[in-house]
Amino acid sequence: MRDGQIIEEFSIDKSKSMILLGREEGDIVLGNPFCSREHAILQIKEGGKVFLYDLASKQGTFLNNKILEPFKYYPLRNGDVLKFA
């Protein structure tokens, strides 16, 4: 989100067990120069449950406006708002 507006929405390919999000590389490339090269991971567990995991990114990862502690799994729900950096 930027200024209260959603910048980008994406769906998750649950056939993968892990999706890398990063500034320049990864399964999902984030168009933000303040993101880390390898910023966060979406982990898909059996049964389709999805978790967000910050890779100690320099500017942080936010879930519903709360900064996440690095190296900890956070469950995601449909409609959650993610912010990177």
PDB file of N, CA and C in Angstrom:
ATOM      1  N   MET A   1       0.837  -1.177   0.000  1.00  0.00           N
ATOM      2  CA  MET A   1       0.000   0.000   0.000  1.00  0.00           C
ATOM      3  C   MET A   1       0.882   1.241   0.000  1.00  0.00           C
ATOM      4  N   ARG A   2       0.411   2.223  -0.677  1.00  0.00           N
ATOM      5  CA  ARG A   2       1.070   3.519  -0.659  1.00  0.00           C
ATOM      6  C   ARG A   2      -0.035   4.553  -0.605  1.00  0.00           C
ATOM      7  N   ASP A   3       0.027   5.430   0.389  1.00  0.00           N
ATOM      8  CA  ASP A   3      -1.002   6.459   0.575  1.00  0.00           C
ATOM      9  C   ASP A   3      -2.399   5.850   0.640  1.00  0.00           C
ATOM     10  N   GLY A   4      -2.504   4.693   1.301  1.00  0.00           N
ATOM     11  CA  GLY A   4      -3.789   4.044   1.470  1.00  0.00           C
ATOM     12  C   GLY A   4      -4.290   3.291   0.259  1.00  0.00           C
ATOM     13  N   GLN A   5      -3.492   3.214  -0.813  1.00  0.00           N
ATOM     14  CA  GLN A   5      -3.897   2.538  -2.039  1.00  0.00           C
ATOM     15  C   GLN A   5      -3.083   1.252  -2.207  1.00  0.00           C
ATOM     16  N   ILE A   6      -3.748   0.189  -2.624  1.00  0.00           N
ATOM     17  CA  ILE A   6      -3.066  -1.071  -2.890  1.00  0.00           C
ATOM     18  C   ILE A   6      -2.212  -0.902  -4.139  1.00  0.00           C
ATOM     19  N   ILE A   7      -0.942  -1.244  -4.039  1.00  0.00           N
ATOM     20  CA  ILE A   7      -0.016  -1.109  -5.159  1.00  0.00           C
ATOM     21  C   ILE A   7      -0.068  -2.341  -6.052  1.00  0.00           C
ATOM     22  N   GLU A   8      -0.068  -3.509  -5.437  1.00  0.00           N
ATOM     23  CA  GLU A   8      -0.038  -4.732  -6.227  1.00  0.00           C
ATOM     24  C   GLU A   8      -0.700  -5.857  -5.450  1.00  0.00           C
ATOM     25  N   GLU A   9      -1.433  -6.679  -6.156  1.00  0.00           N
ATOM     26  CA  GLU A   9      -2.017  -7.885  -5.581  1.00  0.00           C
ATOM     27  C   GLU A   9      -1.425  -9.066  -6.334  1.00  0.00           C
ATOM     28  N   PHE A  10      -1.222 -10.174  -5.637  1.00  0.00           N
ATOM     29  CA  PHE A  10      -0.751 -11.365  -6.320  1.00  0.00           C
ATOM     30  C   PHE A  10      -1.362 -12.597  -5.674  1.00  0.00           C
ATOM     31  N   SER A  11      -1.513 -13.636  -6.479  1.00  0.00           N
ATOM     32  CA  SER A  11      -1.989 -14.907  -5.944  1.00  0.00           C
ATOM     33  C   SER A  11      -0.793 -15.816  -5.727  1.00  0.00           C
ATOM     34  N   ILE A  12      -0.983 -16.790  -4.888  1.00  0.00           N
ATOM     35  CA  ILE A  12       0.102 -17.675  -4.490  1.00  0.00           C
ATOM     36  C   ILE A  12      -0.063 -19.025  -5.169  1.00  0.00           C
ATOM     37  N   ASP A  13       1.002 -19.490  -5.795  1.00  0.00           N
ATOM     38  CA  ASP A  13       1.022 -20.820  -6.397  1.00  0.00           C
ATOM     39  C   ASP A  13       1.280 -21.829  -5.285  1.00  0.00           C
ATOM     40  N   LYS A  14       0.216 -22.481  -4.825  1.00  0.00           N
ATOM     41  CA  LYS A  14       0.337 -23.394  -3.691  1.00  0.00           C
ATOM     42  C   LYS A  14       0.926 -24.745  -4.081  1.00  0.00           C
ATOM     43  N   SER A  15       1.326 -24.915  -5.352  1.00  0.00           N
ATOM     44  CA  SER A  15       2.000 -26.150  -5.738  1.00  0.00           C
ATOM     45  C   SER A  15       3.469 -26.120  -5.302  1.00  0.00           C
ATOM     46  N   LYS A  16       3.967 -24.942  -4.973  1.00  0.00           N
ATOM     47  CA  LYS A  16       5.342 -24.797  -4.471  1.00  0.00           C
ATOM     48  C   LYS A  16       5.319 -24.848  -2.951  1.00  0.00           C
ATOM     49  N   SER A  17       6.430 -25.226  -2.356  1.00  0.00           N
ATOM     50  CA  SER A  17       6.500 -25.225  -0.891  1.00  0.00           C
ATOM     51  C   SER A  17       7.100 -23.921  -0.368  1.00  0.00           C
ATOM     52  N   MET A  18       7.788 -23.173  -1.251  1.00  0.00           N
ATOM     53  CA  MET A  18       8.425 -21.925  -0.830  1.00  0.00           C
ATOM     54  C   MET A  18       8.439 -20.941  -1.994  1.00  0.00           C
ATOM     55  N   ILE A  19       8.198 -19.667  -1.683  1.00  0.00           N
ATOM     56  CA  ILE A  19       8.246 -18.602  -2.678  1.00  0.00           C
ATOM     57  C   ILE A  19       9.143 -17.505  -2.125  1.00  0.00           C
ATOM     58  N   LEU A  20      10.211 -17.194  -2.843  1.00  0.00           N
ATOM     59  CA  LEU A  20      11.147 -16.151  -2.431  1.00  0.00           C
ATOM     60  C   LEU A  20      10.694 -14.805  -2.975  1.00  0.00           C
ATOM     61  N   LEU A  21      10.693 -13.790  -2.103  1.00  0.00           N
ATOM     62  CA  LEU A  21      10.373 -12.417  -2.499  1.00  0.00           C
ATOM     63  C   LEU A  21      11.629 -11.572  -2.332  1.00  0.00           C
ATOM     64  N   GLY A  22      11.996 -10.827  -3.359  1.00  0.00           N
ATOM     65  CA  GLY A  22      13.200 -10.025  -3.268  1.00  0.00           C
ATOM     66  C   GLY A  22      13.202  -8.848  -4.218  1.00  0.00           C
ATOM     67  N   ARG A  23      14.156  -7.954  -4.008  1.00  0.00           N
ATOM     68  CA  ARG A  23      14.262  -6.729  -4.805  1.00  0.00           C
ATOM     69  C   ARG A  23      14.611  -7.021  -6.259  1.00  0.00           C
ATOM     70  N   GLU A  24      15.574  -7.916  -6.484  1.00  0.00           N
ATOM     71  CA  GLU A  24      16.052  -8.159  -7.839  1.00  0.00           C
ATOM     72  C   GLU A  24      15.905  -9.596  -8.290  1.00  0.00           C
ATOM     73  N   GLU A  25      15.693 -10.490  -7.351  1.00  0.00           N
ATOM     74  CA  GLU A  25      15.599 -11.898  -7.708  1.00  0.00           C
ATOM     75  C   GLU A  25      14.563 -12.576  -6.837  1.00  0.00           C
ATOM     76  N   GLY A  26      14.145 -13.737  -7.283  1.00  0.00           N
ATOM     77  CA  GLY A  26      13.169 -14.493  -6.529  1.00  0.00           C
ATOM     78  C   GLY A  26      11.975 -14.855  -7.387  1.00  0.00           C
ATOM     79  N   ASP A  27      11.056 -15.575  -6.779  1.00  0.00           N
ATOM     80  CA  ASP A  27       9.836 -15.969  -7.482  1.00  0.00           C
ATOM     81  C   ASP A  27       8.924 -14.767  -7.691  1.00  0.00           C
ATOM     82  N   ILE A  28       8.937 -13.860  -6.742  1.00  0.00           N
ATOM     83  CA  ILE A  28       8.196 -12.599  -6.863  1.00  0.00           C
ATOM     84  C   ILE A  28       9.208 -11.469  -6.670  1.00  0.00           C
ATOM     85  N   VAL A  29       9.397 -10.661  -7.701  1.00  0.00           N
ATOM     86  CA  VAL A  29      10.334  -9.532  -7.636  1.00  0.00           C
ATOM     87  C   VAL A  29       9.552  -8.302  -7.182  1.00  0.00           C
ATOM     88  N   LEU A  30      10.006  -7.725  -6.076  1.00  0.00           N
ATOM     89  CA  LEU A  30       9.356  -6.549  -5.498  1.00  0.00           C
ATOM     90  C   LEU A  30       9.937  -5.297  -6.148  1.00  0.00           C
ATOM     91  N   GLY A  31       9.112  -4.445  -6.656  1.00  0.00           N
ATOM     92  CA  GLY A  31       9.570  -3.241  -7.347  1.00  0.00           C
ATOM     93  C   GLY A  31       9.857  -2.100  -6.387  1.00  0.00           C
ATOM     94  N   ASN A  32      10.626  -2.367  -5.360  1.00  0.00           N
ATOM     95  CA  ASN A  32      10.931  -1.355  -4.356  1.00  0.00           C
ATOM     96  C   ASN A  32      12.432  -1.354  -4.112  1.00  0.00           C
ATOM     97  N   PRO A  33      13.130  -0.255  -4.387  1.00  0.00           N
ATOM     98  CA  PRO A  33      14.580  -0.222  -4.210  1.00  0.00           C
ATOM     99  C   PRO A  33      15.023  -0.342  -2.754  1.00  0.00           C
ATOM    100  N   PHE A  34      14.100  -0.165  -1.805  1.00  0.00           N
ATOM    101  CA  PHE A  34      14.444  -0.276  -0.388  1.00  0.00           C
ATOM    102  C   PHE A  34      14.326  -1.703   0.137  1.00  0.00           C
ATOM    103  N   CYS A  35      13.797  -2.610  -0.675  1.00  0.00           N
ATOM    104  CA  CYS A  35      13.712  -4.015  -0.284  1.00  0.00           C
ATOM    105  C   CYS A  35      15.091  -4.652  -0.366  1.00  0.00           C
ATOM    106  N   SER A  36      15.276  -5.679   0.419  1.00  0.00           N
ATOM    107  CA  SER A  36      16.523  -6.443   0.356  1.00  0.00           C
ATOM    108  C   SER A  36      16.515  -7.334  -0.871  1.00  0.00           C
ATOM    109  N   ARG A  37      17.709  -7.719  -1.308  1.00  0.00           N
ATOM    110  CA  ARG A  37      17.832  -8.584  -2.483  1.00  0.00           C
ATOM    111  C   ARG A  37      17.021  -9.866  -2.271  1.00  0.00           C
ATOM    112  N   GLU A  38      17.154 -10.477  -1.105  1.00  0.00           N
ATOM    113  CA  GLU A  38      16.323 -11.604  -0.677  1.00  0.00           C
ATOM    114  C   GLU A  38      15.625 -11.156   0.594  1.00  0.00           C
ATOM    115  N   HIS A  39      14.399 -10.713   0.471  1.00  0.00           N
ATOM    116  CA  HIS A  39      13.705 -10.005   1.548  1.00  0.00           C
ATOM    117  C   HIS A  39      12.901 -10.920   2.474  1.00  0.00           C
ATOM    118  N   ALA A  40      12.094 -11.791   1.898  1.00  0.00           N
ATOM    119  CA  ALA A  40      11.211 -12.638   2.702  1.00  0.00           C
ATOM    120  C   ALA A  40      10.844 -13.898   1.929  1.00  0.00           C
ATOM    121  N   ILE A  41      10.242 -14.831   2.648  1.00  0.00           N
ATOM    122  CA  ILE A  41       9.794 -16.090   2.055  1.00  0.00           C
ATOM    123  C   ILE A  41       8.336 -16.298   2.414  1.00  0.00           C
ATOM    124  N   LEU A  42       7.583 -16.811   1.449  1.00  0.00           N
ATOM    125  CA  LEU A  42       6.255 -17.353   1.724  1.00  0.00           C
ATOM    126  C   LEU A  42       6.422 -18.862   1.756  1.00  0.00           C
ATOM    127  N   GLN A  43       6.081 -19.466   2.872  1.00  0.00           N
ATOM    128  CA  GLN A  43       6.201 -20.919   3.041  1.00  0.00           C
ATOM    129  C   GLN A  43       4.808 -21.523   2.985  1.00  0.00           C
ATOM    130  N   ILE A  44       4.622 -22.506   2.111  1.00  0.00           N
ATOM    131  CA  ILE A  44       3.332 -23.171   1.980  1.00  0.00           C
ATOM    132  C   ILE A  44       3.452 -24.553   2.614  1.00  0.00           C
ATOM    133  N   LYS A  45       2.673 -24.769   3.653  1.00  0.00           N
ATOM    134  CA  LYS A  45       2.699 -26.043   4.377  1.00  0.00           C
ATOM    135  C   LYS A  45       1.642 -26.979   3.815  1.00  0.00           C
ATOM    136  N   GLU A  46       1.699 -28.236   4.237  1.00  0.00           N
ATOM    137  CA  GLU A  46       0.687 -29.209   3.820  1.00  0.00           C
ATOM    138  C   GLU A  46      -0.690 -28.689   4.204  1.00  0.00           C
ATOM    139  N   GLY A  47      -1.650 -28.898   3.347  1.00  0.00           N
ATOM    140  CA  GLY A  47      -2.993 -28.396   3.591  1.00  0.00           C
ATOM    141  C   GLY A  47      -3.200 -26.992   3.054  1.00  0.00           C
ATOM    142  N   GLY A  48      -2.134 -26.380   2.493  1.00  0.00           N
ATOM    143  CA  GLY A  48      -2.264 -25.073   1.862  1.00  0.00           C
ATOM    144  C   GLY A  48      -2.109 -23.875   2.780  1.00  0.00           C
ATOM    145  N   LYS A  49      -1.784 -24.076   4.043  1.00  0.00           N
ATOM    146  CA  LYS A  49      -1.580 -22.958   4.964  1.00  0.00           C
ATOM    147  C   LYS A  49      -0.324 -22.200   4.544  1.00  0.00           C
ATOM    148  N   VAL A  50      -0.405 -20.865   4.499  1.00  0.00           N
ATOM    149  CA  VAL A  50       0.706 -20.032   4.032  1.00  0.00           C
ATOM    150  C   VAL A  50       1.260 -19.210   5.192  1.00  0.00           C
ATOM    151  N   PHE A  51       2.590 -19.158   5.287  1.00  0.00           N
ATOM    152  CA  PHE A  51       3.283 -18.410   6.331  1.00  0.00           C
ATOM    153  C   PHE A  51       4.260 -17.425   5.693  1.00  0.00           C
ATOM    154  N   LEU A  52       4.446 -16.285   6.344  1.00  0.00           N
ATOM    155  CA  LEU A  52       5.404 -15.265   5.919  1.00  0.00           C
ATOM    156  C   LEU A  52       6.597 -15.304   6.865  1.00  0.00           C
ATOM    157  N   TYR A  53       7.807 -15.225   6.300  1.00  0.00           N
ATOM    158  CA  TYR A  53       9.051 -15.362   7.061  1.00  0.00           C
ATOM    159  C   TYR A  53      10.023 -14.289   6.581  1.00  0.00           C
ATOM    160  N   ASP A  54      10.348 -13.336   7.439  1.00  0.00           N
ATOM    161  CA  ASP A  54      11.281 -12.256   7.078  1.00  0.00           C
ATOM    162  C   ASP A  54      12.713 -12.762   7.200  1.00  0.00           C
ATOM    163  N   LEU A  55      13.533 -12.475   6.192  1.00  0.00           N
ATOM    164  CA  LEU A  55      14.924 -12.919   6.152  1.00  0.00           C
ATOM    165  C   LEU A  55      15.882 -11.870   6.717  1.00  0.00           C
ATOM    166  N   ALA A  56      15.504 -11.244   7.834  1.00  0.00           N
ATOM    167  CA  ALA A  56      16.305 -10.184   8.464  1.00  0.00           C
ATOM    168  C   ALA A  56      16.557  -9.044   7.486  1.00  0.00           C
ATOM    169  N   SER A  57      15.505  -8.671   6.771  1.00  0.00           N
ATOM    170  CA  SER A  57      15.611  -7.582   5.803  1.00  0.00           C
ATOM    171  C   SER A  57      15.958  -6.277   6.518  1.00  0.00           C
ATOM    172  N   LYS A  58      16.718  -5.443   5.842  1.00  0.00           N
ATOM    173  CA  LYS A  58      17.202  -4.203   6.452  1.00  0.00           C
ATOM    174  C   LYS A  58      16.064  -3.236   6.809  1.00  0.00           C
ATOM    175  N   GLN A  59      15.065  -3.110   5.937  1.00  0.00           N
ATOM    176  CA  GLN A  59      13.972  -2.160   6.153  1.00  0.00           C
ATOM    177  C   GLN A  59      12.713  -2.797   6.744  1.00  0.00           C
ATOM    178  N   GLY A  60      12.723  -4.103   6.911  1.00  0.00           N
ATOM    179  CA  GLY A  60      11.615  -4.776   7.572  1.00  0.00           C
ATOM    180  C   GLY A  60      10.495  -5.241   6.668  1.00  0.00           C
ATOM    181  N   THR A  61       9.693  -6.137   7.224  1.00  0.00           N
ATOM    182  CA  THR A  61       8.494  -6.660   6.579  1.00  0.00           C
ATOM    183  C   THR A  61       7.335  -6.413   7.532  1.00  0.00           C
ATOM    184  N   PHE A  62       6.209  -5.978   6.979  1.00  0.00           N
ATOM    185  CA  PHE A  62       5.046  -5.629   7.796  1.00  0.00           C
ATOM    186  C   PHE A  62       3.858  -6.481   7.397  1.00  0.00           C
ATOM    187  N   LEU A  63       3.114  -6.930   8.384  1.00  0.00           N
ATOM    188  CA  LEU A  63       1.881  -7.684   8.179  1.00  0.00           C
ATOM    189  C   LEU A  63       0.772  -6.914   8.875  1.00  0.00           C
ATOM    190  N   ASN A  64      -0.166  -6.407   8.079  1.00  0.00           N
ATOM    191  CA  ASN A  64      -1.268  -5.599   8.617  1.00  0.00           C
ATOM    192  C   ASN A  64      -0.744  -4.461   9.507  1.00  0.00           C
ATOM    193  N   ASN A  65       0.273  -3.755   9.011  1.00  0.00           N
ATOM    194  CA  ASN A  65       0.891  -2.582   9.649  1.00  0.00           C
ATOM    195  C   ASN A  65       1.705  -2.886  10.895  1.00  0.00           C
ATOM    196  N   LYS A  66       2.010  -4.154  11.158  1.00  0.00           N
ATOM    197  CA  LYS A  66       2.859  -4.518  12.299  1.00  0.00           C
ATOM    198  C   LYS A  66       4.155  -5.100  11.762  1.00  0.00           C
ATOM    199  N   ILE A  67       5.281  -4.571  12.274  1.00  0.00           N
ATOM    200  CA  ILE A  67       6.579  -5.066  11.809  1.00  0.00           C
ATOM    201  C   ILE A  67       6.798  -6.478  12.336  1.00  0.00           C
ATOM    202  N   LEU A  68       7.370  -7.316  11.485  1.00  0.00           N
ATOM    203  CA  LEU A  68       7.609  -8.698  11.848  1.00  0.00           C
ATOM    204  C   LEU A  68       9.001  -8.894  12.416  1.00  0.00           C
ATOM    205  N   GLU A  69       9.090  -9.794  13.367  1.00  0.00           N
ATOM    206  CA  GLU A  69      10.378 -10.197  13.913  1.00  0.00           C
ATOM    207  C   GLU A  69      11.034 -11.121  12.894  1.00  0.00           C
ATOM    208  N   PRO A  70      12.313 -10.906  12.564  1.00  0.00           N
ATOM    209  CA  PRO A  70      12.980 -11.774  11.580  1.00  0.00           C
ATOM    210  C   PRO A  70      13.071 -13.223  12.055  1.00  0.00           C
ATOM    211  N   PHE A  71      13.157 -14.120  11.087  1.00  0.00           N
ATOM    212  CA  PHE A  71      13.348 -15.555  11.320  1.00  0.00           C
ATOM    213  C   PHE A  71      12.248 -16.186  12.164  1.00  0.00           C
ATOM    214  N   LYS A  72      11.017 -15.712  11.964  1.00  0.00           N
ATOM    215  CA  LYS A  72       9.858 -16.254  12.663  1.00  0.00           C
ATOM    216  C   LYS A  72       8.712 -16.380  11.659  1.00  0.00           C
ATOM    217  N   TYR A  73       7.983 -17.496  11.723  1.00  0.00           N
ATOM    218  CA  TYR A  73       6.870 -17.726  10.800  1.00  0.00           C
ATOM    219  C   TYR A  73       5.604 -17.041  11.307  1.00  0.00           C
ATOM    220  N   TYR A  74       4.906 -16.356  10.382  1.00  0.00           N
ATOM    221  CA  TYR A  74       3.638 -15.690  10.679  1.00  0.00           C
ATOM    222  C   TYR A  74       2.572 -16.232   9.727  1.00  0.00           C
ATOM    223  N   PRO A  75       1.471 -16.779  10.256  1.00  0.00           N
ATOM    224  CA  PRO A  75       0.428 -17.303   9.376  1.00  0.00           C
ATOM    225  C   PRO A  75      -0.278 -16.181   8.626  1.00  0.00           C
ATOM    226  N   LEU A  76      -0.614 -16.437   7.361  1.00  0.00           N
ATOM    227  CA  LEU A  76      -1.327 -15.468   6.541  1.00  0.00           C
ATOM    228  C   LEU A  76      -2.759 -15.921   6.318  1.00  0.00           C
ATOM    229  N   ARG A  77      -3.624 -14.917   6.182  1.00  0.00           N
ATOM    230  CA  ARG A  77      -5.030 -15.168   5.872  1.00  0.00           C
ATOM    231  C   ARG A  77      -5.395 -14.359   4.626  1.00  0.00           C
ATOM    232  N   ASN A  78      -6.423 -14.805   3.941  1.00  0.00           N
ATOM    233  CA  ASN A  78      -6.902 -14.084   2.778  1.00  0.00           C
ATOM    234  C   ASN A  78      -7.242 -12.642   3.183  1.00  0.00           C
ATOM    235  N   GLY A  79      -6.738 -11.674   2.435  1.00  0.00           N
ATOM    236  CA  GLY A  79      -7.019 -10.268   2.726  1.00  0.00           C
ATOM    237  C   GLY A  79      -5.962  -9.576   3.562  1.00  0.00           C
ATOM    238  N   ASP A  80      -4.961 -10.312   4.078  1.00  0.00           N
ATOM    239  CA  ASP A  80      -3.882  -9.666   4.828  1.00  0.00           C
ATOM    240  C   ASP A  80      -3.149  -8.676   3.934  1.00  0.00           C
ATOM    241  N   VAL A  81      -2.639  -7.604   4.538  1.00  0.00           N
ATOM    242  CA  VAL A  81      -1.881  -6.589   3.818  1.00  0.00           C
ATOM    243  C   VAL A  81      -0.409  -6.745   4.192  1.00  0.00           C
ATOM    244  N   LEU A  82       0.427  -6.963   3.172  1.00  0.00           N
ATOM    245  CA  LEU A  82       1.868  -7.102   3.371  1.00  0.00           C
ATOM    246  C   LEU A  82       2.553  -5.846   2.856  1.00  0.00           C
ATOM    247  N   LYS A  83       3.575  -5.421   3.600  1.00  0.00           N
ATOM    248  CA  LYS A  83       4.370  -4.258   3.170  1.00  0.00           C
ATOM    249  C   LYS A  83       5.834  -4.649   3.337  1.00  0.00           C
ATOM    250  N   PHE A  84       6.611  -4.374   2.298  1.00  0.00           N
ATOM    251  CA  PHE A  84       8.024  -4.694   2.306  1.00  0.00           C
ATOM    252  C   PHE A  84       8.827  -3.412   2.241  1.00  0.00           C
ATOM    253  N   ALA A  85       9.628  -3.143   3.268  1.00  0.00           N
ATOM    254  CA  ALA A  85      10.479  -1.958   3.415  1.00  0.00           C
ATOM    255  C   ALA A  85       9.677  -0.699   3.674  1.00  0.00           C
TER     256      ALA A  85
END
